[in-house]
Amino acid sequence: MTTLLNKNFILKNPHHMIALGFGTGLYKKAPGTLGTLVAIPFFLAINKVDIYLQLLFVVMVFILGIWSSNVTSKSLKLKDPSCIVIDEIAAFLLLLILINPNTYQLIYAFILFRIFDIWKPYPISWIENRYSGGFGIMIDDIAAALMALIIYLITDYAL
């Protein structure tokens, strides 16, 4: 796989560029963590517009992510390659929109999201095993974001 993953692979198809988080998925160490950070500038760019437009943007990223992840995973001949990070971008962006955090809350939300995305407790693991293709790649991260949201909401009041 590493021989396939380079700048030429990304430039070959715009879906590869999107799925690989504009190149962040090429990093060998923690591509999902780096990809998650890509959501932050998107959030900062849209967080002043109406919440419904923000959510519409996430839905559009999610749908584009399904398509791009499907194309890219088929090109790589892998079910859910770690280099695909559009799922982390869309999911963390959703979480940020739902909590509209300050700096400390953003860091806390980031940590929670990464824990759930990496650990994948039930029902995230069930969702990951149940669905495949681009939808499967995307939906388990949305579940991780929602689990992180629940813990965030429960614990944020205690902090």
C-alpha atoms as a PDB file:
ATOM      1  CA  MET A   1       0.000   0.000   0.000  1.00  0.00           C
ATOM      2  CA  THR A   2       2.778   2.482   0.820  1.00  0.00           C
ATOM      3  CA  THR A   3       4.073   2.395  -2.739  1.00  0.00           C
ATOM      4  CA  LEU A   4       0.634   3.467  -3.954  1.00  0.00           C
ATOM      5  CA  LEU A   5       0.306   6.291  -1.467  1.00  0.00           C
ATOM      6  CA  ASN A   6       2.093   9.360  -2.646  1.00  0.00           C
ATOM      7  CA  LYS A   7       1.373  12.780  -4.105  1.00  0.00           C
ATOM      8  CA  ASN A   8       0.634  11.269  -7.510  1.00  0.00           C
ATOM      9  CA  PHE A   9      -2.061   9.042  -6.017  1.00  0.00           C
ATOM     10  CA  ILE A  10      -3.767  12.058  -4.473  1.00  0.00           C
ATOM     11  CA  LEU A  11      -3.518  14.126  -7.646  1.00  0.00           C
ATOM     12  CA  LYS A  12      -4.727  11.258  -9.842  1.00  0.00           C
ATOM     13  CA  ASN A  13      -8.318  11.591  -8.668  1.00  0.00           C
ATOM     14  CA  PRO A  14     -10.073  14.374  -6.708  1.00  0.00           C
ATOM     15  CA  HIS A  15     -11.810  11.706  -4.621  1.00  0.00           C
ATOM     16  CA  HIS A  16      -8.413  10.544  -3.386  1.00  0.00           C
ATOM     17  CA  MET A  17      -7.585  14.117  -2.352  1.00  0.00           C
ATOM     18  CA  ILE A  18     -10.837  14.377  -0.399  1.00  0.00           C
ATOM     19  CA  ALA A  19     -10.691  10.900   1.164  1.00  0.00           C
ATOM     20  CA  LEU A  20      -7.077  11.365   2.244  1.00  0.00           C
ATOM     21  CA  GLY A  21      -7.876  14.652   3.954  1.00  0.00           C
ATOM     22  CA  PHE A  22      -5.966  16.825   1.479  1.00  0.00           C
ATOM     23  CA  GLY A  23      -2.815  14.815   2.140  1.00  0.00           C
ATOM     24  CA  THR A  24      -3.012  14.367   5.903  1.00  0.00           C
ATOM     25  CA  GLY A  25      -3.866  10.700   5.433  1.00  0.00           C
ATOM     26  CA  LEU A  26      -0.411  10.161   3.910  1.00  0.00           C
ATOM     27  CA  TYR A  27       1.303  10.581   7.266  1.00  0.00           C
ATOM     28  CA  LYS A  28       2.472   7.207   8.525  1.00  0.00           C
ATOM     29  CA  LYS A  29       2.044   7.938  12.242  1.00  0.00           C
ATOM     30  CA  ALA A  30      -1.487   8.684  13.443  1.00  0.00           C
ATOM     31  CA  PRO A  31      -3.123   9.762  10.148  1.00  0.00           C
ATOM     32  CA  GLY A  32      -6.559   9.668  11.814  1.00  0.00           C
ATOM     33  CA  THR A  33      -5.444  12.028  14.552  1.00  0.00           C
ATOM     34  CA  LEU A  34      -3.924  14.437  12.050  1.00  0.00           C
ATOM     35  CA  GLY A  35      -6.979  14.135   9.820  1.00  0.00           C
ATOM     36  CA  THR A  36      -9.231  14.958  12.763  1.00  0.00           C
ATOM     37  CA  LEU A  37      -7.393  18.269  13.149  1.00  0.00           C
ATOM     38  CA  VAL A  38      -8.409  19.221   9.592  1.00  0.00           C
ATOM     39  CA  ALA A  39     -11.966  19.670  10.881  1.00  0.00           C
ATOM     40  CA  ILE A  40     -10.915  22.623  13.037  1.00  0.00           C
ATOM     41  CA  PRO A  41     -10.286  25.165  10.229  1.00  0.00           C
ATOM     42  CA  PHE A  42     -13.550  24.085   8.576  1.00  0.00           C
ATOM     43  CA  PHE A  43     -15.350  24.655  11.874  1.00  0.00           C
ATOM     44  CA  LEU A  44     -13.758  28.074  12.329  1.00  0.00           C
ATOM     45  CA  ALA A  45     -14.792  29.016   8.793  1.00  0.00           C
ATOM     46  CA  ILE A  46     -18.458  28.087   9.250  1.00  0.00           C
ATOM     47  CA  ASN A  47     -19.191  28.484  12.964  1.00  0.00           C
ATOM     48  CA  LYS A  48     -20.660  31.978  12.604  1.00  0.00           C
ATOM     49  CA  VAL A  49     -23.339  30.969  10.094  1.00  0.00           C
ATOM     50  CA  ASP A  50     -26.749  29.568  10.991  1.00  0.00           C
ATOM     51  CA  ILE A  51     -26.616  26.163  12.728  1.00  0.00           C
ATOM     52  CA  TYR A  52     -28.807  24.633  10.026  1.00  0.00           C
ATOM     53  CA  LEU A  53     -26.336  25.689   7.331  1.00  0.00           C
ATOM     54  CA  GLN A  54     -23.509  24.242   9.394  1.00  0.00           C
ATOM     55  CA  LEU A  55     -25.353  20.924   9.705  1.00  0.00           C
ATOM     56  CA  LEU A  56     -26.145  20.991   5.975  1.00  0.00           C
ATOM     57  CA  PHE A  57     -22.426  21.443   5.325  1.00  0.00           C
ATOM     58  CA  VAL A  58     -21.646  18.381   7.457  1.00  0.00           C
ATOM     59  CA  VAL A  59     -24.267  16.359   5.597  1.00  0.00           C
ATOM     60  CA  MET A  60     -22.673  17.390   2.302  1.00  0.00           C
ATOM     61  CA  VAL A  61     -19.199  16.456   3.588  1.00  0.00           C
ATOM     62  CA  PHE A  62     -20.613  13.136   4.806  1.00  0.00           C
ATOM     63  CA  ILE A  63     -22.174  12.322   1.423  1.00  0.00           C
ATOM     64  CA  LEU A  64     -19.047  13.393  -0.454  1.00  0.00           C
ATOM     65  CA  GLY A  65     -17.032  11.376   2.067  1.00  0.00           C
ATOM     66  CA  ILE A  66     -19.046   8.234   1.321  1.00  0.00           C
ATOM     67  CA  TRP A  67     -18.408   8.627  -2.395  1.00  0.00           C
ATOM     68  CA  SER A  68     -14.727   9.549  -2.046  1.00  0.00           C
ATOM     69  CA  SER A  69     -14.025   6.829   0.527  1.00  0.00           C
ATOM     70  CA  ASN A  70     -15.662   4.239  -1.685  1.00  0.00           C
ATOM     71  CA  VAL A  71     -13.622   5.275  -4.741  1.00  0.00           C
ATOM     72  CA  THR A  72     -10.368   5.469  -2.782  1.00  0.00           C
ATOM     73  CA  SER A  73     -10.766   2.215  -0.854  1.00  0.00           C
ATOM     74  CA  LYS A  74     -11.516   0.416  -4.121  1.00  0.00           C
ATOM     75  CA  SER A  75      -8.430   1.984  -5.734  1.00  0.00           C
ATOM     76  CA  LEU A  76      -6.324   0.772  -2.805  1.00  0.00           C
ATOM     77  CA  LYS A  77      -8.132  -2.589  -2.710  1.00  0.00           C
ATOM     78  CA  LEU A  78      -8.619  -2.224   1.058  1.00  0.00           C
ATOM     79  CA  LYS A  79     -11.825  -2.281   3.127  1.00  0.00           C
ATOM     80  CA  ASP A  80     -11.103   0.651   5.474  1.00  0.00           C
ATOM     81  CA  PRO A  81      -7.555   1.953   5.019  1.00  0.00           C
ATOM     82  CA  SER A  82      -6.195   4.163   7.794  1.00  0.00           C
ATOM     83  CA  CYS A  83      -5.103   6.725   5.201  1.00  0.00           C
ATOM     84  CA  ILE A  84      -8.761   7.626   4.560  1.00  0.00           C
ATOM     85  CA  VAL A  85      -9.446  10.410   7.039  1.00  0.00           C
ATOM     86  CA  ILE A  86     -12.482  12.215   5.594  1.00  0.00           C
ATOM     87  CA  ASP A  87     -14.516  10.173   8.082  1.00  0.00           C
ATOM     88  CA  GLU A  88     -12.641  11.739  11.016  1.00  0.00           C
ATOM     89  CA  ILE A  89     -12.980  15.189   9.453  1.00  0.00           C
ATOM     90  CA  ALA A  90     -16.762  14.924   8.979  1.00  0.00           C
ATOM     91  CA  ALA A  91     -17.402  13.335  12.372  1.00  0.00           C
ATOM     92  CA  PHE A  92     -15.260  15.735  14.394  1.00  0.00           C
ATOM     93  CA  LEU A  93     -16.740  18.676  12.486  1.00  0.00           C
ATOM     94  CA  LEU A  94     -20.204  17.470  13.505  1.00  0.00           C
ATOM     95  CA  LEU A  95     -19.100  17.203  17.131  1.00  0.00           C
ATOM     96  CA  LEU A  96     -17.646  20.721  17.068  1.00  0.00           C
ATOM     97  CA  ILE A  97     -20.821  22.148  15.572  1.00  0.00           C
ATOM     98  CA  LEU A  98     -22.977  20.447  18.199  1.00  0.00           C
ATOM     99  CA  ILE A  99     -20.931  21.742  21.148  1.00  0.00           C
ATOM    100  CA  ASN A 100     -19.534  25.075  19.770  1.00  0.00           C
ATOM    101  CA  PRO A 101     -16.529  24.803  22.095  1.00  0.00           C
ATOM    102  CA  ASN A 102     -14.075  27.239  23.564  1.00  0.00           C
ATOM    103  CA  THR A 103     -10.393  26.260  23.321  1.00  0.00           C
ATOM    104  CA  TYR A 104     -10.357  24.002  26.387  1.00  0.00           C
ATOM    105  CA  GLN A 105     -13.618  22.331  25.416  1.00  0.00           C
ATOM    106  CA  LEU A 106     -12.238  21.757  21.907  1.00  0.00           C
ATOM    107  CA  ILE A 107      -9.215  19.953  23.324  1.00  0.00           C
ATOM    108  CA  TYR A 108     -11.432  17.865  25.586  1.00  0.00           C
ATOM    109  CA  ALA A 109     -13.797  17.027  22.699  1.00  0.00           C
ATOM    110  CA  PHE A 110     -10.803  16.113  20.523  1.00  0.00           C
ATOM    111  CA  ILE A 111      -9.481  13.705  23.162  1.00  0.00           C
ATOM    112  CA  LEU A 112     -12.905  12.120  23.683  1.00  0.00           C
ATOM    113  CA  PHE A 113     -13.474  11.704  19.960  1.00  0.00           C
ATOM    114  CA  ARG A 114     -10.058  10.126  19.373  1.00  0.00           C
ATOM    115  CA  ILE A 115     -10.599   7.707  22.284  1.00  0.00           C
ATOM    116  CA  PHE A 116     -13.934   6.524  20.887  1.00  0.00           C
ATOM    117  CA  ASP A 117     -12.657   6.446  17.302  1.00  0.00           C
ATOM    118  CA  ILE A 118      -9.633   4.331  18.235  1.00  0.00           C
ATOM    119  CA  TRP A 119     -11.195   2.158  20.945  1.00  0.00           C
ATOM    120  CA  LYS A 120     -14.513   1.567  19.124  1.00  0.00           C
ATOM    121  CA  PRO A 121     -16.623   0.248  22.012  1.00  0.00           C
ATOM    122  CA  TYR A 122     -20.095  -1.133  21.366  1.00  0.00           C
ATOM    123  CA  PRO A 123     -22.157   0.075  19.462  1.00  0.00           C
ATOM    124  CA  ILE A 124     -19.388   1.642  17.345  1.00  0.00           C
ATOM    125  CA  SER A 125     -17.727  -1.744  16.776  1.00  0.00           C
ATOM    126  CA  TRP A 126     -21.082  -3.248  15.784  1.00  0.00           C
ATOM    127  CA  ILE A 127     -21.683  -0.434  13.281  1.00  0.00           C
ATOM    128  CA  GLU A 128     -18.166  -0.839  11.876  1.00  0.00           C
ATOM    129  CA  ASN A 129     -18.751  -4.578  11.337  1.00  0.00           C
ATOM    130  CA  ARG A 130     -22.305  -4.148  10.031  1.00  0.00           C
ATOM    131  CA  TYR A 131     -21.653  -1.674   7.208  1.00  0.00           C
ATOM    132  CA  SER A 132     -19.084  -1.660   4.435  1.00  0.00           C
ATOM    133  CA  GLY A 133     -17.924   0.506   1.564  1.00  0.00           C
ATOM    134  CA  GLY A 134     -17.865   4.265   1.791  1.00  0.00           C
ATOM    135  CA  PHE A 135     -20.901   4.343   4.074  1.00  0.00           C
ATOM    136  CA  GLY A 136     -19.266   1.896   6.457  1.00  0.00           C
ATOM    137  CA  ILE A 137     -16.075   3.944   6.519  1.00  0.00           C
ATOM    138  CA  MET A 138     -18.000   7.112   7.360  1.00  0.00           C
ATOM    139  CA  ILE A 139     -20.760   5.960   9.716  1.00  0.00           C
ATOM    140  CA  ASP A 140     -18.669   4.426  12.502  1.00  0.00           C
ATOM    141  CA  ASP A 141     -16.894   7.754  12.986  1.00  0.00           C
ATOM    142  CA  ILE A 142     -20.232   9.542  13.239  1.00  0.00           C
ATOM    143  CA  ALA A 143     -21.135   7.026  15.962  1.00  0.00           C
ATOM    144  CA  ALA A 144     -17.812   7.788  17.704  1.00  0.00           C
ATOM    145  CA  ALA A 145     -18.617  11.511  17.557  1.00  0.00           C
ATOM    146  CA  LEU A 146     -22.068  10.915  19.051  1.00  0.00           C
ATOM    147  CA  MET A 147     -20.613   8.771  21.846  1.00  0.00           C
ATOM    148  CA  ALA A 148     -18.042  11.496  22.520  1.00  0.00           C
ATOM    149  CA  LEU A 149     -20.881  14.045  22.567  1.00  0.00           C
ATOM    150  CA  ILE A 150     -22.774  12.064  25.202  1.00  0.00           C
ATOM    151  CA  ILE A 151     -19.729  11.798  27.472  1.00  0.00           C
ATOM    152  CA  TYR A 152     -18.846  15.438  26.792  1.00  0.00           C
ATOM    153  CA  LEU A 153     -22.326  16.598  27.807  1.00  0.00           C
ATOM    154  CA  ILE A 154     -22.329  14.462  30.946  1.00  0.00           C
ATOM    155  CA  THR A 155     -18.844  15.472  32.069  1.00  0.00           C
ATOM    156  CA  ASP A 156     -18.657  19.065  30.876  1.00  0.00           C
ATOM    157  CA  TYR A 157     -21.062  20.145  33.570  1.00  0.00           C
ATOM    158  CA  ALA A 158     -18.924  18.415  36.164  1.00  0.00           C
ATOM    159  CA  LEU A 159     -15.695  20.071  34.992  1.00  0.00           C
END
